[in-house]
PDB file of N, CA and C in Angstrom:
ATOM      1  N   MET A   1     -23.588   3.962  47.690  1.00  0.00           N
ATOM      2  CA  MET A   1     -24.605   4.982  47.595  1.00  0.00           C
ATOM      3  C   MET A   1     -24.460   5.766  46.289  1.00  0.00           C
ATOM      4  N   ALA A   2     -23.229   5.994  45.855  1.00  0.00           N
ATOM      5  CA  ALA A   2     -23.007   6.763  44.623  1.00  0.00           C
ATOM      6  C   ALA A   2     -23.571   6.033  43.413  1.00  0.00           C
ATOM      7  N   ALA A   3     -23.442   4.713  43.379  1.00  0.00           N
ATOM      8  CA  ALA A   3     -23.982   3.946  42.250  1.00  0.00           C
ATOM      9  C   ALA A   3     -25.499   4.084  42.202  1.00  0.00           C
ATOM     10  N   PHE A   4     -26.143   4.114  43.357  1.00  0.00           N
ATOM     11  CA  PHE A   4     -27.590   4.317  43.417  1.00  0.00           C
ATOM     12  C   PHE A   4     -27.964   5.685  42.869  1.00  0.00           C
ATOM     13  N   VAL A   5     -27.259   6.711  43.299  1.00  0.00           N
ATOM     14  CA  VAL A   5     -27.544   8.078  42.850  1.00  0.00           C
ATOM     15  C   VAL A   5     -27.365   8.192  41.340  1.00  0.00           C
ATOM     16  N   LEU A   6     -26.309   7.618  40.814  1.00  0.00           N
ATOM     17  CA  LEU A   6     -26.082   7.665  39.369  1.00  0.00           C
ATOM     18  C   LEU A   6     -27.162   6.899  38.613  1.00  0.00           C
ATOM     19  N   ALA A   7     -27.621   5.788  39.172  1.00  0.00           N
ATOM     20  CA  ALA A   7     -28.704   5.030  38.535  1.00  0.00           C
ATOM     21  C   ALA A   7     -29.970   5.871  38.455  1.00  0.00           C
ATOM     22  N   VAL A   8     -30.238   6.658  39.469  1.00  0.00           N
ATOM     23  CA  VAL A   8     -31.415   7.533  39.465  1.00  0.00           C
ATOM     24  C   VAL A   8     -31.241   8.656  38.447  1.00  0.00           C
ATOM     25  N   ILE A   9     -30.043   9.191  38.339  1.00  0.00           N
ATOM     26  CA  ILE A   9     -29.779  10.290  37.401  1.00  0.00           C
ATOM     27  C   ILE A   9     -30.016   9.862  35.963  1.00  0.00           C
ATOM     28  N   VAL A  10     -29.656   8.636  35.622  1.00  0.00           N
ATOM     29  CA  VAL A  10     -29.787   8.190  34.234  1.00  0.00           C
ATOM     30  C   VAL A  10     -31.116   7.497  33.944  1.00  0.00           C
ATOM     31  N   ASP A  11     -31.926   7.274  34.954  1.00  0.00           N
ATOM     32  CA  ASP A  11     -33.188   6.542  34.785  1.00  0.00           C
ATOM     33  C   ASP A  11     -34.215   7.375  34.025  1.00  0.00           C
ATOM     34  N   GLY A  12     -34.258   7.173  32.709  1.00  0.00           N
ATOM     35  CA  GLY A  12     -35.255   7.847  31.889  1.00  0.00           C
ATOM     36  C   GLY A  12     -34.968   9.309  31.607  1.00  0.00           C
ATOM     37  N   HIS A  13     -33.778   9.759  31.875  1.00  0.00           N
ATOM     38  CA  HIS A  13     -33.417  11.162  31.653  1.00  0.00           C
ATOM     39  C   HIS A  13     -32.284  11.229  30.637  1.00  0.00           C
ATOM     40  N   ARG A  14     -32.612  11.647  29.427  1.00  0.00           N
ATOM     41  CA  ARG A  14     -31.608  11.680  28.356  1.00  0.00           C
ATOM     42  C   ARG A  14     -30.447  12.592  28.712  1.00  0.00           C
ATOM     43  N   ARG A  15     -30.722  13.749  29.313  1.00  0.00           N
ATOM     44  CA  ARG A  15     -29.620  14.657  29.670  1.00  0.00           C
ATOM     45  C   ARG A  15     -28.686  14.013  30.693  1.00  0.00           C
ATOM     46  N   GLY A  16     -29.258  13.281  31.638  1.00  0.00           N
ATOM     47  CA  GLY A  16     -28.438  12.569  32.613  1.00  0.00           C
ATOM     48  C   GLY A  16     -27.614  11.483  31.953  1.00  0.00           C
ATOM     49  N   GLN A  17     -28.236  10.769  31.004  1.00  0.00           N
ATOM     50  CA  GLN A  17     -27.515   9.732  30.270  1.00  0.00           C
ATOM     51  C   GLN A  17     -26.352  10.341  29.491  1.00  0.00           C
ATOM     52  N   GLU A  18     -26.619  11.442  28.808  1.00  0.00           N
ATOM     53  CA  GLU A  18     -25.574  12.086  28.009  1.00  0.00           C
ATOM     54  C   GLU A  18     -24.430  12.585  28.882  1.00  0.00           C
ATOM     55  N   ALA A  19     -24.771  13.185  30.022  1.00  0.00           N
ATOM     56  CA  ALA A  19     -23.733  13.692  30.926  1.00  0.00           C
ATOM     57  C   ALA A  19     -22.867  12.549  31.460  1.00  0.00           C
ATOM     58  N   CYS A  20     -23.499  11.438  31.768  1.00  0.00           N
ATOM     59  CA  CYS A  20     -22.744  10.299  32.293  1.00  0.00           C
ATOM     60  C   CYS A  20     -21.897   9.633  31.216  1.00  0.00           C
ATOM     61  N   ILE A  21     -22.369   9.653  29.977  1.00  0.00           N
ATOM     62  CA  ILE A  21     -21.559   9.126  28.875  1.00  0.00           C
ATOM     63  C   ILE A  21     -20.317   9.992  28.700  1.00  0.00           C
ATOM     64  N   GLU A  22     -20.500  11.309  28.760  1.00  0.00           N
ATOM     65  CA  GLU A  22     -19.361  12.223  28.621  1.00  0.00           C
ATOM     66  C   GLU A  22     -18.342  12.021  29.737  1.00  0.00           C
ATOM     67  N   ALA A  23     -18.817  11.606  30.904  1.00  0.00           N
ATOM     68  CA  ALA A  23     -17.928  11.375  32.047  1.00  0.00           C
ATOM     69  C   ALA A  23     -17.371   9.947  32.064  1.00  0.00           C
ATOM     70  N   ASN A  24     -17.602   9.189  30.976  1.00  0.00           N
ATOM     71  CA  ASN A  24     -17.097   7.812  30.856  1.00  0.00           C
ATOM     72  C   ASN A  24     -17.619   6.873  31.936  1.00  0.00           C
ATOM     73  N   LEU A  25     -18.879   7.052  32.316  1.00  0.00           N
ATOM     74  CA  LEU A  25     -19.443   6.231  33.381  1.00  0.00           C
ATOM     75  C   LEU A  25     -19.476   4.749  33.015  1.00  0.00           C
ATOM     76  N   ILE A  26     -19.702   4.439  31.750  1.00  0.00           N
ATOM     77  CA  ILE A  26     -19.724   3.030  31.351  1.00  0.00           C
ATOM     78  C   ILE A  26     -18.390   2.369  31.683  1.00  0.00           C
ATOM     79  N   HIS A  27     -17.305   3.011  31.324  1.00  0.00           N
ATOM     80  CA  HIS A  27     -15.978   2.439  31.575  1.00  0.00           C
ATOM     81  C   HIS A  27     -15.672   2.363  33.071  1.00  0.00           C
ATOM     82  N   VAL A  28     -16.117   3.353  33.819  1.00  0.00           N
ATOM     83  CA  VAL A  28     -15.887   3.349  35.267  1.00  0.00           C
ATOM     84  C   VAL A  28     -16.638   2.188  35.919  1.00  0.00           C
ATOM     85  N   CYS A  29     -17.909   2.032  35.557  1.00  0.00           N
ATOM     86  CA  CYS A  29     -18.703   0.936  36.131  1.00  0.00           C
ATOM     87  C   CYS A  29     -18.132  -0.423  35.744  1.00  0.00           C
ATOM     88  N   LEU A  30     -17.779  -0.574  34.476  1.00  0.00           N
ATOM     89  CA  LEU A  30     -17.226  -1.852  34.032  1.00  0.00           C
ATOM     90  C   LEU A  30     -15.904  -2.162  34.727  1.00  0.00           C
ATOM     91  N   LYS A  31     -15.111  -1.131  34.978  1.00  0.00           N
ATOM     92  CA  LYS A  31     -13.837  -1.337  35.680  1.00  0.00           C
ATOM     93  C   LYS A  31     -14.089  -1.866  37.093  1.00  0.00           C
ATOM     94  N   HIS A  32     -15.077  -1.296  37.777  1.00  0.00           N
ATOM     95  CA  HIS A  32     -15.408  -1.772  39.126  1.00  0.00           C
ATOM     96  C   HIS A  32     -15.954  -3.194  39.090  1.00  0.00           C
ATOM     97  N   LEU A  33     -16.763  -3.485  38.087  1.00  0.00           N
ATOM     98  CA  LEU A  33     -17.309  -4.836  37.964  1.00  0.00           C
ATOM     99  C   LEU A  33     -16.209  -5.849  37.658  1.00  0.00           C
ATOM    100  N   GLN A  34     -15.247  -5.458  36.837  1.00  0.00           N
ATOM    101  CA  GLN A  34     -14.141  -6.357  36.489  1.00  0.00           C
ATOM    102  C   GLN A  34     -13.200  -6.575  37.668  1.00  0.00           C
ATOM    103  N   SER A  35     -13.055  -5.564  38.502  1.00  0.00           N
ATOM    104  CA  SER A  35     -12.114  -5.682  39.616  1.00  0.00           C
ATOM    105  C   SER A  35     -12.646  -6.577  40.724  1.00  0.00           C
ATOM    106  N   SER A  36     -13.933  -6.870  40.700  1.00  0.00           N
ATOM    107  CA  SER A  36     -14.480  -7.789  41.695  1.00  0.00           C
ATOM    108  C   SER A  36     -14.242  -9.208  41.212  1.00  0.00           C
ATOM    109  N   THR A  37     -13.529  -9.961  42.010  1.00  0.00           N
ATOM    110  CA  THR A  37     -13.276 -11.346  41.630  1.00  0.00           C
ATOM    111  C   THR A  37     -14.290 -12.233  42.339  1.00  0.00           C
ATOM    112  N   PRO A  38     -14.806 -13.230  41.650  1.00  0.00           N
ATOM    113  CA  PRO A  38     -15.807 -14.107  42.264  1.00  0.00           C
ATOM    114  C   PRO A  38     -15.295 -14.739  43.554  1.00  0.00           C
ATOM    115  N   ASN A  39     -16.169 -14.801  44.520  1.00  0.00           N
ATOM    116  CA  ASN A  39     -15.901 -15.465  45.803  1.00  0.00           C
ATOM    117  C   ASN A  39     -14.805 -14.802  46.631  1.00  0.00           C
ATOM    118  N   ASP A  40     -14.445 -13.553  46.333  1.00  0.00           N
ATOM    119  CA  ASP A  40     -13.393 -12.926  47.137  1.00  0.00           C
ATOM    120  C   ASP A  40     -13.932 -12.372  48.451  1.00  0.00           C
ATOM    121  N   GLY A  41     -15.233 -12.153  48.534  1.00  0.00           N
ATOM    122  CA  GLY A  41     -15.838 -11.702  49.774  1.00  0.00           C
ATOM    123  C   GLY A  41     -15.580 -10.251  50.107  1.00  0.00           C
ATOM    124  N   GLN A  42     -14.809  -9.543  49.294  1.00  0.00           N
ATOM    125  CA  GLN A  42     -14.491  -8.156  49.602  1.00  0.00           C
ATOM    126  C   GLN A  42     -15.428  -7.175  48.917  1.00  0.00           C
ATOM    127  N   THR A  43     -15.999  -7.565  47.796  1.00  0.00           N
ATOM    128  CA  THR A  43     -16.879  -6.675  47.063  1.00  0.00           C
ATOM    129  C   THR A  43     -18.299  -6.848  47.569  1.00  0.00           C
ATOM    130  N   GLU A  44     -18.908  -5.751  47.921  1.00  0.00           N
ATOM    131  CA  GLU A  44     -20.277  -5.769  48.427  1.00  0.00           C
ATOM    132  C   GLU A  44     -21.243  -6.144  47.306  1.00  0.00           C
ATOM    133  N   PRO A  45     -22.035  -7.202  47.481  1.00  0.00           N
ATOM    134  CA  PRO A  45     -22.967  -7.620  46.422  1.00  0.00           C
ATOM    135  C   PRO A  45     -23.956  -6.525  46.024  1.00  0.00           C
ATOM    136  N   LEU A  46     -24.399  -5.738  46.984  1.00  0.00           N
ATOM    137  CA  LEU A  46     -25.348  -4.670  46.673  1.00  0.00           C
ATOM    138  C   LEU A  46     -24.711  -3.619  45.762  1.00  0.00           C
ATOM    139  N   PHE A  47     -23.431  -3.345  45.964  1.00  0.00           N
ATOM    140  CA  PHE A  47     -22.712  -2.404  45.104  1.00  0.00           C
ATOM    141  C   PHE A  47     -22.679  -2.916  43.670  1.00  0.00           C
ATOM    142  N   LEU A  48     -22.403  -4.204  43.498  1.00  0.00           N
ATOM    143  CA  LEU A  48     -22.384  -4.792  42.160  1.00  0.00           C
ATOM    144  C   LEU A  48     -23.765  -4.719  41.511  1.00  0.00           C
ATOM    145  N   GLN A  49     -24.803  -4.955  42.294  1.00  0.00           N
ATOM    146  CA  GLN A  49     -26.165  -4.878  41.763  1.00  0.00           C
ATOM    147  C   GLN A  49     -26.488  -3.468  41.284  1.00  0.00           C
ATOM    148  N   TRP A  50     -26.105  -2.465  42.061  1.00  0.00           N
ATOM    149  CA  TRP A  50     -26.387  -1.080  41.660  1.00  0.00           C
ATOM    150  C   TRP A  50     -25.575  -0.678  40.442  1.00  0.00           C
ATOM    151  N   LEU A  51     -24.348  -1.177  40.332  1.00  0.00           N
ATOM    152  CA  LEU A  51     -23.555  -0.895  39.133  1.00  0.00           C
ATOM    153  C   LEU A  51     -24.223  -1.478  37.895  1.00  0.00           C
ATOM    154  N   CYS A  52     -24.707  -2.699  38.009  1.00  0.00           N
ATOM    155  CA  CYS A  52     -25.396  -3.337  36.878  1.00  0.00           C
ATOM    156  C   CYS A  52     -26.671  -2.586  36.524  1.00  0.00           C
ATOM    157  N   LEU A  53     -27.437  -2.203  37.528  1.00  0.00           N
ATOM    158  CA  LEU A  53     -28.663  -1.449  37.280  1.00  0.00           C
ATOM    159  C   LEU A  53     -28.348  -0.095  36.655  1.00  0.00           C
ATOM    160  N   CYS A  54     -27.315   0.549  37.146  1.00  0.00           N
ATOM    161  CA  CYS A  54     -26.903   1.845  36.604  1.00  0.00           C
ATOM    162  C   CYS A  54     -26.545   1.722  35.127  1.00  0.00           C
ATOM    163  N   LEU A  55     -25.781   0.713  34.781  1.00  0.00           N
ATOM    164  CA  LEU A  55     -25.415   0.516  33.377  1.00  0.00           C
ATOM    165  C   LEU A  55     -26.646   0.225  32.528  1.00  0.00           C
ATOM    166  N   GLY A  56     -27.537  -0.598  33.038  1.00  0.00           N
ATOM    167  CA  GLY A  56     -28.754  -0.908  32.294  1.00  0.00           C
ATOM    168  C   GLY A  56     -29.592   0.326  32.036  1.00  0.00           C
ATOM    169  N   LYS A  57     -29.727   1.170  33.037  1.00  0.00           N
ATOM    170  CA  LYS A  57     -30.497   2.409  32.877  1.00  0.00           C
ATOM    171  C   LYS A  57     -29.761   3.403  31.987  1.00  0.00           C
ATOM    172  N   LEU A  58     -28.445   3.360  32.026  1.00  0.00           N
ATOM    173  CA  LEU A  58     -27.653   4.284  31.218  1.00  0.00           C
ATOM    174  C   LEU A  58     -27.838   4.023  29.734  1.00  0.00           C
ATOM    175  N   TRP A  59     -27.873   2.770  29.325  1.00  0.00           N
ATOM    176  CA  TRP A  59     -28.002   2.511  27.890  1.00  0.00           C
ATOM    177  C   TRP A  59     -29.411   2.126  27.475  1.00  0.00           C
ATOM    178  N   GLU A  60     -30.377   2.236  28.389  1.00  0.00           N
ATOM    179  CA  GLU A  60     -31.776   1.970  28.045  1.00  0.00           C
ATOM    180  C   GLU A  60     -32.274   3.019  27.045  1.00  0.00           C
ATOM    181  N   ASP A  61     -32.746   2.558  25.890  1.00  0.00           N
ATOM    182  CA  ASP A  61     -33.272   3.439  24.834  1.00  0.00           C
ATOM    183  C   ASP A  61     -32.245   4.468  24.355  1.00  0.00           C
ATOM    184  N   TYR A  62     -30.967   4.151  24.452  1.00  0.00           N
ATOM    185  CA  TYR A  62     -29.910   5.086  24.065  1.00  0.00           C
ATOM    186  C   TYR A  62     -28.870   4.305  23.253  1.00  0.00           C
ATOM    187  N   ILE A  63     -29.042   4.312  21.950  1.00  0.00           N
ATOM    188  CA  ILE A  63     -28.228   3.506  21.039  1.00  0.00           C
ATOM    189  C   ILE A  63     -26.738   3.812  21.168  1.00  0.00           C
ATOM    190  N   ASP A  64     -26.377   5.093  21.259  1.00  0.00           N
ATOM    191  CA  ASP A  64     -24.956   5.448  21.362  1.00  0.00           C
ATOM    192  C   ASP A  64     -24.312   4.804  22.590  1.00  0.00           C
ATOM    193  N   ALA A  65     -25.026   4.809  23.707  1.00  0.00           N
ATOM    194  CA  ALA A  65     -24.500   4.194  24.925  1.00  0.00           C
ATOM    195  C   ALA A  65     -24.412   2.679  24.772  1.00  0.00           C
ATOM    196  N   GLN A  66     -25.380   2.088  24.077  1.00  0.00           N
ATOM    197  CA  GLN A  66     -25.351   0.643  23.847  1.00  0.00           C
ATOM    198  C   GLN A  66     -24.131   0.258  23.020  1.00  0.00           C
ATOM    199  N   ILE A  67     -23.824   1.065  22.024  1.00  0.00           N
ATOM    200  CA  ILE A  67     -22.654   0.793  21.184  1.00  0.00           C
ATOM    201  C   ILE A  67     -21.373   0.879  22.008  1.00  0.00           C
ATOM    202  N   ILE A  68     -21.285   1.893  22.862  1.00  0.00           N
ATOM    203  CA  ILE A  68     -20.104   2.037  23.720  1.00  0.00           C
ATOM    204  C   ILE A  68     -19.968   0.818  24.630  1.00  0.00           C
ATOM    205  N   GLY A  69     -21.076   0.370  25.186  1.00  0.00           N
ATOM    206  CA  GLY A  69     -21.049  -0.812  26.045  1.00  0.00           C
ATOM    207  C   GLY A  69     -20.589  -2.055  25.309  1.00  0.00           C
ATOM    208  N   LEU A  70     -21.068  -2.229  24.093  1.00  0.00           N
ATOM    209  CA  LEU A  70     -20.646  -3.386  23.301  1.00  0.00           C
ATOM    210  C   LEU A  70     -19.170  -3.299  22.932  1.00  0.00           C
ATOM    211  N   GLN A  71     -18.713  -2.097  22.591  1.00  0.00           N
ATOM    212  CA  GLN A  71     -17.301  -1.921  22.258  1.00  0.00           C
ATOM    213  C   GLN A  71     -16.403  -2.167  23.469  1.00  0.00           C
ATOM    214  N   ALA A  72     -16.924  -1.886  24.659  1.00  0.00           N
ATOM    215  CA  ALA A  72     -16.156  -2.107  25.889  1.00  0.00           C
ATOM    216  C   ALA A  72     -16.289  -3.545  26.391  1.00  0.00           C
ATOM    217  N   ASP A  73     -16.951  -4.401  25.618  1.00  0.00           N
ATOM    218  CA  ASP A  73     -17.123  -5.817  25.943  1.00  0.00           C
ATOM    219  C   ASP A  73     -17.919  -6.028  27.230  1.00  0.00           C
ATOM    220  N   ALA A  74     -18.942  -5.201  27.426  1.00  0.00           N
ATOM    221  CA  ALA A  74     -19.785  -5.306  28.614  1.00  0.00           C
ATOM    222  C   ALA A  74     -20.435  -6.679  28.774  1.00  0.00           C
ATOM    223  N   PRO A  75     -20.907  -7.322  27.696  1.00  0.00           N
ATOM    224  CA  PRO A  75     -21.514  -8.648  27.894  1.00  0.00           C
ATOM    225  C   PRO A  75     -20.565  -9.657  28.552  1.00  0.00           C
ATOM    226  N   ALA A  76     -19.297  -9.604  28.217  1.00  0.00           N
ATOM    227  CA  ALA A  76     -18.327 -10.519  28.833  1.00  0.00           C
ATOM    228  C   ALA A  76     -18.147 -10.202  30.314  1.00  0.00           C
ATOM    229  N   VAL A  77     -18.161  -8.920  30.646  1.00  0.00           N
ATOM    230  CA  VAL A  77     -18.025  -8.521  32.050  1.00  0.00           C
ATOM    231  C   VAL A  77     -19.231  -9.015  32.842  1.00  0.00           C
ATOM    232  N   PHE A  78     -20.420  -8.830  32.272  1.00  0.00           N
ATOM    233  CA  PHE A  78     -21.633  -9.275  32.961  1.00  0.00           C
ATOM    234  C   PHE A  78     -21.673 -10.791  33.103  1.00  0.00           C
ATOM    235  N   SER A  79     -21.248 -11.496  32.091  1.00  0.00           N
ATOM    236  CA  SER A  79     -21.304 -12.962  32.160  1.00  0.00           C
ATOM    237  C   SER A  79     -20.378 -13.507  33.242  1.00  0.00           C
ATOM    238  N   SER A  80     -19.281 -12.823  33.501  1.00  0.00           N
ATOM    239  CA  SER A  80     -18.378 -13.278  34.564  1.00  0.00           C
ATOM    240  C   SER A  80     -19.009 -13.116  35.946  1.00  0.00           C
ATOM    241  N   LEU A  81     -19.979 -12.226  36.056  1.00  0.00           N
ATOM    242  CA  LEU A  81     -20.642 -12.011  37.344  1.00  0.00           C
ATOM    243  C   LEU A  81     -21.551 -13.172  37.728  1.00  0.00           C
ATOM    244  N   LEU A  82     -21.866 -14.030  36.779  1.00  0.00           N
ATOM    245  CA  LEU A  82     -22.715 -15.178  37.083  1.00  0.00           C
ATOM    246  C   LEU A  82     -22.037 -16.148  38.042  1.00  0.00           C
ATOM    247  N   ALA A  83     -20.726 -16.027  38.194  1.00  0.00           N
ATOM    248  CA  ALA A  83     -19.992 -16.880  39.126  1.00  0.00           C
ATOM    249  C   ALA A  83     -19.978 -16.311  40.543  1.00  0.00           C
ATOM    250  N   GLU A  84     -20.561 -15.138  40.731  1.00  0.00           N
ATOM    251  CA  GLU A  84     -20.621 -14.526  42.060  1.00  0.00           C
ATOM    252  C   GLU A  84     -21.476 -15.389  42.990  1.00  0.00           C
ATOM    253  N   PRO A  85     -21.193 -15.348  44.292  1.00  0.00           N
ATOM    254  CA  PRO A  85     -22.001 -16.116  45.242  1.00  0.00           C
ATOM    255  C   PRO A  85     -23.485 -15.719  45.215  1.00  0.00           C
ATOM    256  N   GLN A  86     -23.757 -14.451  44.935  1.00  0.00           N
ATOM    257  CA  GLN A  86     -25.134 -13.962  44.822  1.00  0.00           C
ATOM    258  C   GLN A  86     -25.294 -13.327  43.446  1.00  0.00           C
ATOM    259  N   PRO A  87     -25.474 -14.124  42.391  1.00  0.00           N
ATOM    260  CA  PRO A  87     -25.473 -13.579  41.030  1.00  0.00           C
ATOM    261  C   PRO A  87     -26.683 -12.734  40.673  1.00  0.00           C
ATOM    262  N   GLU A  88     -27.705 -12.701  41.509  1.00  0.00           N
ATOM    263  CA  GLU A  88     -28.877 -11.912  41.148  1.00  0.00           C
ATOM    264  C   GLU A  88     -28.539 -10.450  41.146  1.00  0.00           C
TER     265      GLU A  88
END
């Protein structure tokens, strides 16, 4: 539920995006995404989807956040999720 709320906070709201960047939300989300191992069955697929959506909304139209995501190797984290049983 928290990932959903954060996705709403950053959806089109620059102040929300800035506040979440200051709170290191990109690193927190990526850490949760990295800790989910494919096919382990313990990570809720809906949680992973909301984390991905939250990150997408966080760096949408926000260059500074995009740079932070690239520096944190977000594309590699996302590509590993393609091995999930429900990659959508």
